[in-house]
């Protein structure tokens, strides 16, 4: 089983190919049904991928990487921007100007997110997490994606990045008494 960092990178490559295919359809002024056939699975996977990262990857990044707080705060903010672009497209007629604005807003946010995640979060995690942990998380990540081909039944609403980090950190502190209440940022300025 590939580790979680490989699976995340595989999704990133797929996102890039799908957005490139949308470029082709836009250049040909394609039928809205053709646009929808490409966009709908892409939009769903963008949301489900973000949820999988928030459920499986980022809590472990916070627990096992060096100084992961800023990376995680930024990533959750990026996920919100991606979700907002997807939501804008979903509220608009496929192929309309507003629809394309939503699609490209999601793309811009996703492109920025992928670059930062690949160069920061994933690299940091590979350096600080064991192979066994990365493989175990890879299984969980793949199972989550397989179980959720769409966002049906999932809460894909925006998250407050700071509240997310605080909640995950509280769970980490509770599960590891050796941390003695030292959370992310608790030693800042000391």
Protein backbone atom coordinates (compact mmCIF):
# COMPACT_ATOMS: atom_id res chain seq x y z
CA UNK A 1 0.00 0.00 0.00
CA UNK A 2 1.44 3.39 -0.94
CA UNK A 3 1.93 5.79 1.89
CA UNK A 4 -0.38 8.76 2.40
CA UNK A 5 2.05 11.24 0.88
CA UNK A 6 2.10 9.25 -2.37
CA UNK A 7 -1.71 9.03 -2.47
CA UNK A 8 -2.03 12.77 -1.90
CA UNK A 9 0.48 13.43 -4.69
CA UNK A 10 -1.45 11.06 -6.99
CA UNK A 11 -4.64 13.05 -6.36
CA UNK A 12 -2.76 16.28 -7.05
CA UNK A 13 -1.60 14.94 -10.42
CA UNK A 14 -5.19 13.91 -11.24
CA UNK A 15 -6.48 17.38 -10.29
CA UNK A 16 -3.95 18.99 -12.61
CA UNK A 17 -4.98 16.71 -15.51
CA UNK A 18 -8.69 17.38 -14.94
CA UNK A 19 -8.21 21.15 -14.87
CA UNK A 20 -6.12 20.89 -18.06
CA UNK A 21 -9.00 18.97 -19.66
CA UNK A 22 -11.34 21.80 -18.61
CA UNK A 23 -8.97 24.22 -20.36
CA UNK A 24 -9.46 22.22 -23.55
CA UNK A 25 -13.24 22.24 -23.18
CA UNK A 26 -13.30 25.97 -22.54
CA UNK A 27 -11.16 26.60 -25.62
CA UNK A 28 -13.65 24.62 -27.72
CA UNK A 29 -16.67 26.37 -26.17
CA UNK A 30 -18.04 22.95 -25.23
CA UNK A 31 -21.58 21.90 -24.48
CA UNK A 32 -22.55 22.39 -20.80
CA UNK A 33 -23.30 18.65 -20.51
CA UNK A 34 -19.70 17.86 -21.48
CA UNK A 35 -18.43 20.43 -18.97
CA UNK A 36 -20.63 18.96 -16.24
CA UNK A 37 -19.40 15.40 -16.96
CA UNK A 38 -15.85 16.56 -16.32
CA UNK A 39 -16.51 19.07 -13.53
CA UNK A 40 -18.85 17.11 -11.28
CA UNK A 41 -16.41 14.30 -10.38
CA UNK A 42 -13.58 16.84 -10.09
CA UNK A 43 -15.59 19.09 -7.76
CA UNK A 44 -16.60 16.12 -5.62
CA UNK A 45 -13.02 14.83 -5.39
CA UNK A 46 -11.68 18.29 -4.47
CA UNK A 47 -14.08 18.39 -1.51
CA UNK A 48 -13.62 14.76 -0.46
CA UNK A 49 -9.83 15.03 -0.76
CA UNK A 50 -9.84 18.08 1.52
CA UNK A 51 -12.04 16.29 4.04
CA UNK A 52 -9.76 13.24 3.98
CA UNK A 53 -6.73 15.42 4.59
CA UNK A 54 -8.49 17.19 7.46
CA UNK A 55 -9.60 13.89 9.02
CA UNK A 56 -6.48 11.79 8.44
CA UNK A 57 -3.40 13.74 7.33
CA UNK A 58 -3.35 17.07 9.14
CA UNK A 59 -3.94 15.67 12.64
CA UNK A 60 -0.93 13.40 12.10
CA UNK A 61 1.12 16.23 10.62
CA UNK A 62 0.41 18.23 13.77
CA UNK A 63 1.41 15.27 15.95
CA UNK A 64 4.54 14.13 14.11
CA UNK A 65 6.13 16.97 12.14
CA UNK A 66 8.34 19.85 13.17
CA UNK A 67 6.57 23.22 13.52
CA UNK A 68 3.51 22.20 11.48
CA UNK A 69 1.09 24.83 12.82
CA UNK A 70 1.53 27.47 10.09
CA UNK A 71 1.38 24.83 7.34
CA UNK A 72 -1.84 23.43 8.78
CA UNK A 73 -3.49 26.81 9.33
CA UNK A 74 -2.69 27.77 5.74
CA UNK A 75 -3.90 24.42 4.37
CA UNK A 76 -7.27 24.64 6.12
CA UNK A 77 -7.67 28.18 4.80
CA UNK A 78 -6.83 26.92 1.30
CA UNK A 79 -9.41 24.14 1.64
CA UNK A 80 -12.01 26.78 2.51
CA UNK A 81 -11.14 28.75 -0.62
CA UNK A 82 -11.35 25.61 -2.77
CA UNK A 83 -14.74 24.73 -1.25
CA UNK A 84 -15.96 28.28 -1.83
CA UNK A 85 -15.01 28.10 -5.52
CA UNK A 86 -16.71 24.73 -5.90
CA UNK A 87 -19.82 26.07 -4.15
CA UNK A 88 -19.90 29.13 -6.43
CA UNK A 89 -19.76 26.89 -9.49
CA UNK A 90 -22.51 24.67 -8.08
CA UNK A 91 -24.81 27.69 -7.63
CA UNK A 92 -24.38 28.78 -11.25
CA UNK A 93 -25.53 27.36 -14.58
CA UNK A 94 -22.80 25.12 -16.01
CA UNK A 95 -20.78 27.00 -18.61
CA UNK A 96 -21.95 30.45 -17.52
CA UNK A 97 -19.53 33.23 -16.63
CA UNK A 98 -20.29 32.81 -12.92
CA UNK A 99 -19.74 29.06 -13.21
CA UNK A 100 -16.32 29.57 -14.81
CA UNK A 101 -15.44 32.12 -12.11
CA UNK A 102 -16.16 29.50 -9.44
CA UNK A 103 -14.22 26.82 -11.32
CA UNK A 104 -11.18 29.08 -11.71
CA UNK A 105 -11.39 30.29 -8.11
CA UNK A 106 -11.28 26.65 -7.01
CA UNK A 107 -8.42 25.99 -9.41
CA UNK A 108 -6.32 28.95 -8.25
CA UNK A 109 -6.79 28.03 -4.59
CA UNK A 110 -6.08 24.36 -5.33
CA UNK A 111 -2.94 25.15 -7.36
CA UNK A 112 -1.59 27.29 -4.53
CA UNK A 113 -2.53 24.68 -1.95
CA UNK A 114 -0.93 21.79 -3.84
CA UNK A 115 2.35 23.65 -4.33
CA UNK A 116 2.61 24.62 -0.69
CA UNK A 117 1.55 21.20 0.55
CA UNK A 118 4.00 19.37 -1.71
CA UNK A 119 6.92 21.60 -0.71
CA UNK A 120 6.08 21.98 2.97
CA UNK A 121 3.56 19.67 4.64
CA UNK A 122 4.25 16.48 2.70
CA UNK A 123 8.02 16.99 2.76
CA UNK A 124 7.93 17.75 6.51
CA UNK A 125 5.83 14.66 7.16
CA UNK A 126 8.08 12.35 5.12
CA UNK A 127 11.06 13.55 7.17
CA UNK A 128 9.38 13.12 10.56
CA UNK A 129 6.88 10.23 10.32
CA UNK A 130 7.77 6.58 10.12
CA UNK A 131 7.16 4.56 6.99
CA UNK A 132 4.75 2.36 8.93
CA UNK A 133 2.67 5.35 10.01
CA UNK A 134 2.62 6.78 6.48
CA UNK A 135 1.47 3.40 5.10
CA UNK A 136 -1.21 3.00 7.78
CA UNK A 137 -2.50 6.48 7.02
CA UNK A 138 -2.38 5.64 3.31
CA UNK A 139 -4.78 2.75 3.92
CA UNK A 140 -7.11 5.02 5.90
CA UNK A 141 -6.93 7.73 3.24
CA UNK A 142 -7.68 5.29 0.40
CA UNK A 143 -10.56 3.73 2.36
CA UNK A 144 -12.05 7.18 3.05
CA UNK A 145 -11.86 8.17 -0.62
CA UNK A 146 -13.34 4.83 -1.72
CA UNK A 147 -16.19 5.14 0.80
CA UNK A 148 -17.01 8.70 -0.29
CA UNK A 149 -17.12 9.16 -4.08
CA UNK A 150 -19.21 12.29 -3.38
CA UNK A 151 -19.73 14.56 -0.40
CA UNK A 152 -23.14 13.02 0.33
CA UNK A 153 -23.45 12.66 4.09
CA UNK A 154 -20.25 14.60 4.77
CA UNK A 155 -19.90 18.05 6.29
CA UNK A 156 -17.89 19.96 3.71
CA UNK A 157 -18.52 23.38 5.19
CA UNK A 158 -15.69 25.84 5.77
CA UNK A 159 -13.66 25.40 8.94
CA UNK A 160 -12.08 28.02 11.14
CA UNK A 161 -8.36 27.19 10.74
CA UNK A 162 -7.40 28.22 14.28
CA UNK A 163 -10.32 26.35 15.87
CA UNK A 164 -9.39 23.27 13.79
CA UNK A 165 -5.77 23.35 14.99
CA UNK A 166 -6.84 23.98 18.60
CA UNK A 167 -9.29 21.05 18.50
CA UNK A 168 -6.76 18.65 16.98
CA UNK A 169 -4.08 19.81 19.40
CA UNK A 170 -6.41 19.21 22.36
CA UNK A 171 -7.02 15.66 21.09
CA UNK A 172 -3.27 15.09 20.71
CA UNK A 173 -2.58 16.43 24.20
CA UNK A 174 -5.36 14.27 25.68
CA UNK A 175 -4.10 11.10 23.99
CA UNK A 176 -0.45 11.70 24.95
CA UNK A 177 -0.10 12.53 28.67
CA UNK A 178 3.68 12.82 28.28
CA UNK A 179 3.11 16.11 26.48
CA UNK A 180 2.08 17.61 29.86
CA UNK A 181 -0.29 20.11 28.27
CA UNK A 182 2.33 21.54 25.96
CA UNK A 183 0.45 22.37 22.82
CA UNK A 184 1.37 23.95 19.57
CA UNK A 185 2.68 27.38 20.21
CA UNK A 186 2.91 26.85 23.98
CA UNK A 187 6.62 27.49 23.92
CA UNK A 188 6.50 30.41 21.49
CA UNK A 189 8.31 33.41 22.76
CA UNK A 190 10.09 31.46 25.52
